[in-house]
Amino acid sequence: MGPSSDPMYSVIRQEIESFNSIFGFPSDVSVTIEKCGEANAYYDPSEVSITICTEFDAHLRKQFGNL
């Protein structure tokens, strides 16, 4: 399954486009979605990148269901 077929990909892409229109980052920040073994998302300043773990999707859906 490629990134564009992952339902999370479309949502994250829209969020990134929104952030880019609101914030003026001094340089490009790469965003990757990958399996990490835990529900997490983090920024790596040495790589200037954000990693969003695929497991985070299920975690957020569960949290949203608890509201």
PDB file of N, CA and C in Angstrom:
ATOM      1  N   MET A   1       0.851  -1.175   0.000  1.00  0.00           N
ATOM      2  CA  MET A   1       0.000   0.000   0.000  1.00  0.00           C
ATOM      3  C   MET A   1       0.895   1.236   0.000  1.00  0.00           C
ATOM      4  N   GLY A   2       0.731   2.104  -0.975  1.00  0.00           N
ATOM      5  CA  GLY A   2       1.507   3.332  -1.059  1.00  0.00           C
ATOM      6  C   GLY A   2       0.931   4.410  -0.163  1.00  0.00           C
ATOM      7  N   PRO A   3       1.697   5.476   0.058  1.00  0.00           N
ATOM      8  CA  PRO A   3       1.238   6.518   0.975  1.00  0.00           C
ATOM      9  C   PRO A   3      -0.079   7.154   0.560  1.00  0.00           C
ATOM     10  N   SER A   4      -0.310   7.343  -0.732  1.00  0.00           N
ATOM     11  CA  SER A   4      -1.535   8.013  -1.149  1.00  0.00           C
ATOM     12  C   SER A   4      -2.771   7.149  -0.944  1.00  0.00           C
ATOM     13  N   SER A   5      -2.605   5.828  -0.740  1.00  0.00           N
ATOM     14  CA  SER A   5      -3.752   4.955  -0.492  1.00  0.00           C
ATOM     15  C   SER A   5      -4.058   4.839   1.004  1.00  0.00           C
ATOM     16  N   ASP A   6      -3.193   5.357   1.861  1.00  0.00           N
ATOM     17  CA  ASP A   6      -3.414   5.345   3.299  1.00  0.00           C
ATOM     18  C   ASP A   6      -4.388   6.482   3.634  1.00  0.00           C
ATOM     19  N   PRO A   7      -5.523   6.186   4.288  1.00  0.00           N
ATOM     20  CA  PRO A   7      -6.493   7.245   4.593  1.00  0.00           C
ATOM     21  C   PRO A   7      -5.902   8.360   5.454  1.00  0.00           C
ATOM     22  N   MET A   8      -4.940   8.032   6.281  1.00  0.00           N
ATOM     23  CA  MET A   8      -4.307   9.039   7.132  1.00  0.00           C
ATOM     24  C   MET A   8      -3.502  10.037   6.297  1.00  0.00           C
ATOM     25  N   TYR A   9      -2.975   9.578   5.173  1.00  0.00           N
ATOM     26  CA  TYR A   9      -2.138  10.413   4.305  1.00  0.00           C
ATOM     27  C   TYR A   9      -2.882  11.666   3.861  1.00  0.00           C
ATOM     28  N   SER A  10      -4.112  11.517   3.422  1.00  0.00           N
ATOM     29  CA  SER A  10      -4.894  12.648   2.928  1.00  0.00           C
ATOM     30  C   SER A  10      -5.144  13.677   4.029  1.00  0.00           C
ATOM     31  N   VAL A  11      -5.497  13.205   5.208  1.00  0.00           N
ATOM     32  CA  VAL A  11      -5.760  14.104   6.329  1.00  0.00           C
ATOM     33  C   VAL A  11      -4.495  14.857   6.719  1.00  0.00           C
ATOM     34  N   ILE A  12      -3.393  14.138   6.833  1.00  0.00           N
ATOM     35  CA  ILE A  12      -2.125  14.764   7.222  1.00  0.00           C
ATOM     36  C   ILE A  12      -1.684  15.767   6.157  1.00  0.00           C
ATOM     37  N   ARG A  13      -1.840  15.420   4.900  1.00  0.00           N
ATOM     38  CA  ARG A  13      -1.459  16.330   3.814  1.00  0.00           C
ATOM     39  C   ARG A  13      -2.242  17.641   3.907  1.00  0.00           C
ATOM     40  N   GLN A  14      -3.530  17.559   4.177  1.00  0.00           N
ATOM     41  CA  GLN A  14      -4.357  18.762   4.316  1.00  0.00           C
ATOM     42  C   GLN A  14      -3.898  19.599   5.510  1.00  0.00           C
ATOM     43  N   GLU A  15      -3.561  18.948   6.613  1.00  0.00           N
ATOM     44  CA  GLU A  15      -3.080  19.665   7.793  1.00  0.00           C
ATOM     45  C   GLU A  15      -1.754  20.372   7.511  1.00  0.00           C
ATOM     46  N   ILE A  16      -0.864  19.705   6.809  1.00  0.00           N
ATOM     47  CA  ILE A  16       0.431  20.305   6.475  1.00  0.00           C
ATOM     48  C   ILE A  16       0.224  21.535   5.597  1.00  0.00           C
ATOM     49  N   GLU A  17      -0.652  21.424   4.610  1.00  0.00           N
ATOM     50  CA  GLU A  17      -0.931  22.568   3.742  1.00  0.00           C
ATOM     51  C   GLU A  17      -1.511  23.725   4.549  1.00  0.00           C
ATOM     52  N   SER A  18      -2.363  23.419   5.509  1.00  0.00           N
ATOM     53  CA  SER A  18      -2.934  24.457   6.372  1.00  0.00           C
ATOM     54  C   SER A  18      -1.850  25.120   7.225  1.00  0.00           C
ATOM     55  N   PHE A  19      -1.001  24.311   7.855  1.00  0.00           N
ATOM     56  CA  PHE A  19       0.096  24.854   8.663  1.00  0.00           C
ATOM     57  C   PHE A  19       1.014  25.736   7.823  1.00  0.00           C
ATOM     58  N   ASN A  20       1.320  25.289   6.612  1.00  0.00           N
ATOM     59  CA  ASN A  20       2.201  26.063   5.742  1.00  0.00           C
ATOM     60  C   ASN A  20       1.603  27.423   5.394  1.00  0.00           C
ATOM     61  N   SER A  21       0.285  27.492   5.288  1.00  0.00           N
ATOM     62  CA  SER A  21      -0.347  28.767   4.952  1.00  0.00           C
ATOM     63  C   SER A  21      -0.428  29.697   6.167  1.00  0.00           C
ATOM     64  N   ILE A  22      -0.399  29.130   7.376  1.00  0.00           N
ATOM     65  CA  ILE A  22      -0.513  29.926   8.597  1.00  0.00           C
ATOM     66  C   ILE A  22       0.850  30.354   9.139  1.00  0.00           C
ATOM     67  N   PHE A  23       1.793  29.426   9.170  1.00  0.00           N
ATOM     68  CA  PHE A  23       3.101  29.677   9.772  1.00  0.00           C
ATOM     69  C   PHE A  23       4.146  29.906   8.690  1.00  0.00           C
ATOM     70  N   GLY A  24       5.082  30.785   8.963  1.00  0.00           N
ATOM     71  CA  GLY A  24       6.178  31.028   8.032  1.00  0.00           C
ATOM     72  C   GLY A  24       7.440  30.348   8.527  1.00  0.00           C
ATOM     73  N   PHE A  25       7.569  29.065   8.251  1.00  0.00           N
ATOM     74  CA  PHE A  25       8.760  28.340   8.692  1.00  0.00           C
ATOM     75  C   PHE A  25       9.977  28.817   7.902  1.00  0.00           C
ATOM     76  N   PRO A  26      11.127  28.939   8.547  1.00  0.00           N
ATOM     77  CA  PRO A  26      12.327  29.414   7.852  1.00  0.00           C
ATOM     78  C   PRO A  26      12.875  28.423   6.819  1.00  0.00           C
ATOM     79  N   SER A  27      12.511  27.157   6.957  1.00  0.00           N
ATOM     80  CA  SER A  27      12.938  26.152   5.984  1.00  0.00           C
ATOM     81  C   SER A  27      11.866  25.061   5.921  1.00  0.00           C
ATOM     82  N   ASP A  28      11.956  24.238   4.888  1.00  0.00           N
ATOM     83  CA  ASP A  28      11.001  23.150   4.745  1.00  0.00           C
ATOM     84  C   ASP A  28      11.156  22.148   5.887  1.00  0.00           C
ATOM     85  N   VAL A  29      10.039  21.643   6.372  1.00  0.00           N
ATOM     86  CA  VAL A  29      10.021  20.605   7.391  1.00  0.00           C
ATOM     87  C   VAL A  29       9.398  19.375   6.739  1.00  0.00           C
ATOM     88  N   SER A  30      10.161  18.292   6.667  1.00  0.00           N
ATOM     89  CA  SER A  30       9.610  17.077   6.060  1.00  0.00           C
ATOM     90  C   SER A  30       8.724  16.364   7.073  1.00  0.00           C
ATOM     91  N   VAL A  31       7.679  15.734   6.571  1.00  0.00           N
ATOM     92  CA  VAL A  31       6.759  14.981   7.414  1.00  0.00           C
ATOM     93  C   VAL A  31       6.663  13.574   6.845  1.00  0.00           C
ATOM     94  N   THR A  32       6.889  12.591   7.716  1.00  0.00           N
ATOM     95  CA  THR A  32       6.774  11.199   7.298  1.00  0.00           C
ATOM     96  C   THR A  32       5.760  10.487   8.182  1.00  0.00           C
ATOM     97  N   ILE A  33       5.121   9.492   7.597  1.00  0.00           N
ATOM     98  CA  ILE A  33       4.205   8.629   8.331  1.00  0.00           C
ATOM     99  C   ILE A  33       4.808   7.230   8.267  1.00  0.00           C
ATOM    100  N   GLU A  34       5.066   6.669   9.448  1.00  0.00           N
ATOM    101  CA  GLU A  34       5.678   5.335   9.460  1.00  0.00           C
ATOM    102  C   GLU A  34       5.267   4.551  10.693  1.00  0.00           C
ATOM    103  N   LYS A  35       5.416   3.253  10.605  1.00  0.00           N
ATOM    104  CA  LYS A  35       5.127   2.364  11.720  1.00  0.00           C
ATOM    105  C   LYS A  35       6.254   2.501  12.740  1.00  0.00           C
ATOM    106  N   CYS A  36       5.875   2.778  14.004  1.00  0.00           N
ATOM    107  CA  CYS A  36       6.875   2.999  15.052  1.00  0.00           C
ATOM    108  C   CYS A  36       6.789   1.979  16.185  1.00  0.00           C
ATOM    109  N   GLY A  37       5.675   1.252  16.263  1.00  0.00           N
ATOM    110  CA  GLY A  37       5.503   0.317  17.361  1.00  0.00           C
ATOM    111  C   GLY A  37       4.799   0.937  18.560  1.00  0.00           C
ATOM    112  N   GLU A  38       4.421   2.222  18.456  1.00  0.00           N
ATOM    113  CA  GLU A  38       3.688   2.898  19.520  1.00  0.00           C
ATOM    114  C   GLU A  38       2.955   4.103  18.939  1.00  0.00           C
ATOM    115  N   ALA A  39       1.939   4.553  19.644  1.00  0.00           N
ATOM    116  CA  ALA A  39       1.193   5.744  19.218  1.00  0.00           C
ATOM    117  C   ALA A  39       2.027   6.966  19.584  1.00  0.00           C
ATOM    118  N   ASN A  40       2.555   7.648  18.576  1.00  0.00           N
ATOM    119  CA  ASN A  40       3.457   8.762  18.849  1.00  0.00           C
ATOM    120  C   ASN A  40       3.568   9.645  17.615  1.00  0.00           C
ATOM    121  N   ALA A  41       4.047  10.840  17.829  1.00  0.00           N
ATOM    122  CA  ALA A  41       4.429  11.770  16.775  1.00  0.00           C
ATOM    123  C   ALA A  41       5.504  12.646  17.394  1.00  0.00           C
ATOM    124  N   TYR A  42       6.528  12.970  16.620  1.00  0.00           N
ATOM    125  CA  TYR A  42       7.612  13.746  17.206  1.00  0.00           C
ATOM    126  C   TYR A  42       8.351  14.562  16.157  1.00  0.00           C
ATOM    127  N   TYR A  43       9.011  15.601  16.641  1.00  0.00           N
ATOM    128  CA  TYR A  43       9.839  16.475  15.812  1.00  0.00           C
ATOM    129  C   TYR A  43      11.299  16.157  16.073  1.00  0.00           C
ATOM    130  N   ASP A  44      12.078  16.027  15.019  1.00  0.00           N
ATOM    131  CA  ASP A  44      13.520  15.781  15.135  1.00  0.00           C
ATOM    132  C   ASP A  44      14.244  17.027  14.618  1.00  0.00           C
ATOM    133  N   PRO A  45      14.755  17.862  15.535  1.00  0.00           N
ATOM    134  CA  PRO A  45      15.403  19.108  15.101  1.00  0.00           C
ATOM    135  C   PRO A  45      16.659  18.886  14.258  1.00  0.00           C
ATOM    136  N   SER A  46      17.362  17.782  14.484  1.00  0.00           N
ATOM    137  CA  SER A  46      18.584  17.541  13.704  1.00  0.00           C
ATOM    138  C   SER A  46      18.260  17.195  12.251  1.00  0.00           C
ATOM    139  N   GLU A  47      17.083  16.623  12.016  1.00  0.00           N
ATOM    140  CA  GLU A  47      16.651  16.260  10.665  1.00  0.00           C
ATOM    141  C   GLU A  47      15.645  17.267  10.096  1.00  0.00           C
ATOM    142  N   VAL A  48      15.194  18.198  10.943  1.00  0.00           N
ATOM    143  CA  VAL A  48      14.134  19.154  10.585  1.00  0.00           C
ATOM    144  C   VAL A  48      12.963  18.376   9.975  1.00  0.00           C
ATOM    145  N   SER A  49      12.451  17.427  10.776  1.00  0.00           N
ATOM    146  CA  SER A  49      11.374  16.569  10.281  1.00  0.00           C
ATOM    147  C   SER A  49      10.406  16.210  11.401  1.00  0.00           C
ATOM    148  N   ILE A  50       9.194  15.919  10.984  1.00  0.00           N
ATOM    149  CA  ILE A  50       8.160  15.434  11.888  1.00  0.00           C
ATOM    150  C   ILE A  50       7.830  14.011  11.459  1.00  0.00           C
ATOM    151  N   THR A  51       7.794  13.108  12.409  1.00  0.00           N
ATOM    152  CA  THR A  51       7.386  11.729  12.148  1.00  0.00           C
ATOM    153  C   THR A  51       6.071  11.491  12.863  1.00  0.00           C
ATOM    154  N   ILE A  52       5.100  10.998  12.130  1.00  0.00           N
ATOM    155  CA  ILE A  52       3.812  10.636  12.701  1.00  0.00           C
ATOM    156  C   ILE A  52       3.685   9.122  12.571  1.00  0.00           C
ATOM    157  N   CYS A  53       3.553   8.470  13.695  1.00  0.00           N
ATOM    158  CA  CYS A  53       3.461   7.018  13.699  1.00  0.00           C
ATOM    159  C   CYS A  53       2.060   6.581  13.268  1.00  0.00           C
ATOM    160  N   THR A  54       1.994   5.536  12.454  1.00  0.00           N
ATOM    161  CA  THR A  54       0.697   5.055  11.976  1.00  0.00           C
ATOM    162  C   THR A  54      -0.191   4.632  13.145  1.00  0.00           C
ATOM    163  N   GLU A  55       0.398   4.194  14.231  1.00  0.00           N
ATOM    164  CA  GLU A  55      -0.366   3.766  15.401  1.00  0.00           C
ATOM    165  C   GLU A  55      -1.076   4.944  16.076  1.00  0.00           C
ATOM    166  N   PHE A  56      -0.625   6.154  15.799  1.00  0.00           N
ATOM    167  CA  PHE A  56      -1.208   7.350  16.405  1.00  0.00           C
ATOM    168  C   PHE A  56      -2.648   7.554  15.941  1.00  0.00           C
ATOM    169  N   ASP A  57      -2.958   7.132  14.733  1.00  0.00           N
ATOM    170  CA  ASP A  57      -4.308   7.264  14.188  1.00  0.00           C
ATOM    171  C   ASP A  57      -5.328   6.553  15.075  1.00  0.00           C
ATOM    172  N   ALA A  58      -5.078   5.302  15.395  1.00  0.00           N
ATOM    173  CA  ALA A  58      -6.009   4.538  16.243  1.00  0.00           C
ATOM    174  C   ALA A  58      -6.116   5.162  17.632  1.00  0.00           C
ATOM    175  N   HIS A  59      -5.013   5.637  18.150  1.00  0.00           N
ATOM    176  CA  HIS A  59      -4.998   6.287  19.460  1.00  0.00           C
ATOM    177  C   HIS A  59      -5.879   7.537  19.455  1.00  0.00           C
ATOM    178  N   LEU A  60      -5.737   8.369  18.426  1.00  0.00           N
ATOM    179  CA  LEU A  60      -6.540   9.595  18.352  1.00  0.00           C
ATOM    180  C   LEU A  60      -8.028   9.267  18.188  1.00  0.00           C
ATOM    181  N   ARG A  61      -8.322   8.253  17.373  1.00  0.00           N
ATOM    182  CA  ARG A  61      -9.730   7.857  17.209  1.00  0.00           C
ATOM    183  C   ARG A  61     -10.332   7.397  18.531  1.00  0.00           C
ATOM    184  N   LYS A  62      -9.551   6.660  19.320  1.00  0.00           N
ATOM    185  CA  LYS A  62     -10.023   6.195  20.631  1.00  0.00           C
ATOM    186  C   LYS A  62     -10.245   7.392  21.562  1.00  0.00           C
ATOM    187  N   GLN A  63      -9.305   8.324  21.561  1.00  0.00           N
ATOM    188  CA  GLN A  63      -9.436   9.510  22.416  1.00  0.00           C
ATOM    189  C   GLN A  63     -10.659  10.341  22.013  1.00  0.00           C
ATOM    190  N   PHE A  64     -10.872  10.492  20.723  1.00  0.00           N
ATOM    191  CA  PHE A  64     -12.015  11.241  20.232  1.00  0.00           C
ATOM    192  C   PHE A  64     -13.317  10.554  20.662  1.00  0.00           C
ATOM    193  N   GLY A  65     -13.333   9.249  20.649  1.00  0.00           N
ATOM    194  CA  GLY A  65     -14.509   8.493  21.074  1.00  0.00           C
ATOM    195  C   GLY A  65     -14.816   8.649  22.547  1.00  0.00           C
ATOM    196  N   ASN A  66     -13.805   9.008  23.344  1.00  0.00           N
ATOM    197  CA  ASN A  66     -13.988   9.197  24.787  1.00  0.00           C
ATOM    198  C   ASN A  66     -14.506  10.582  25.151  1.00  0.00           C
ATOM    199  N   LEU A  67     -14.636  11.467  24.182  1.00  0.00           N
ATOM    200  CA  LEU A  67     -15.112  12.831  24.490  1.00  0.00           C
ATOM    201  C   LEU A  67     -16.591  12.867  24.763  1.00  0.00           C
TER     202      LEU A  67
END
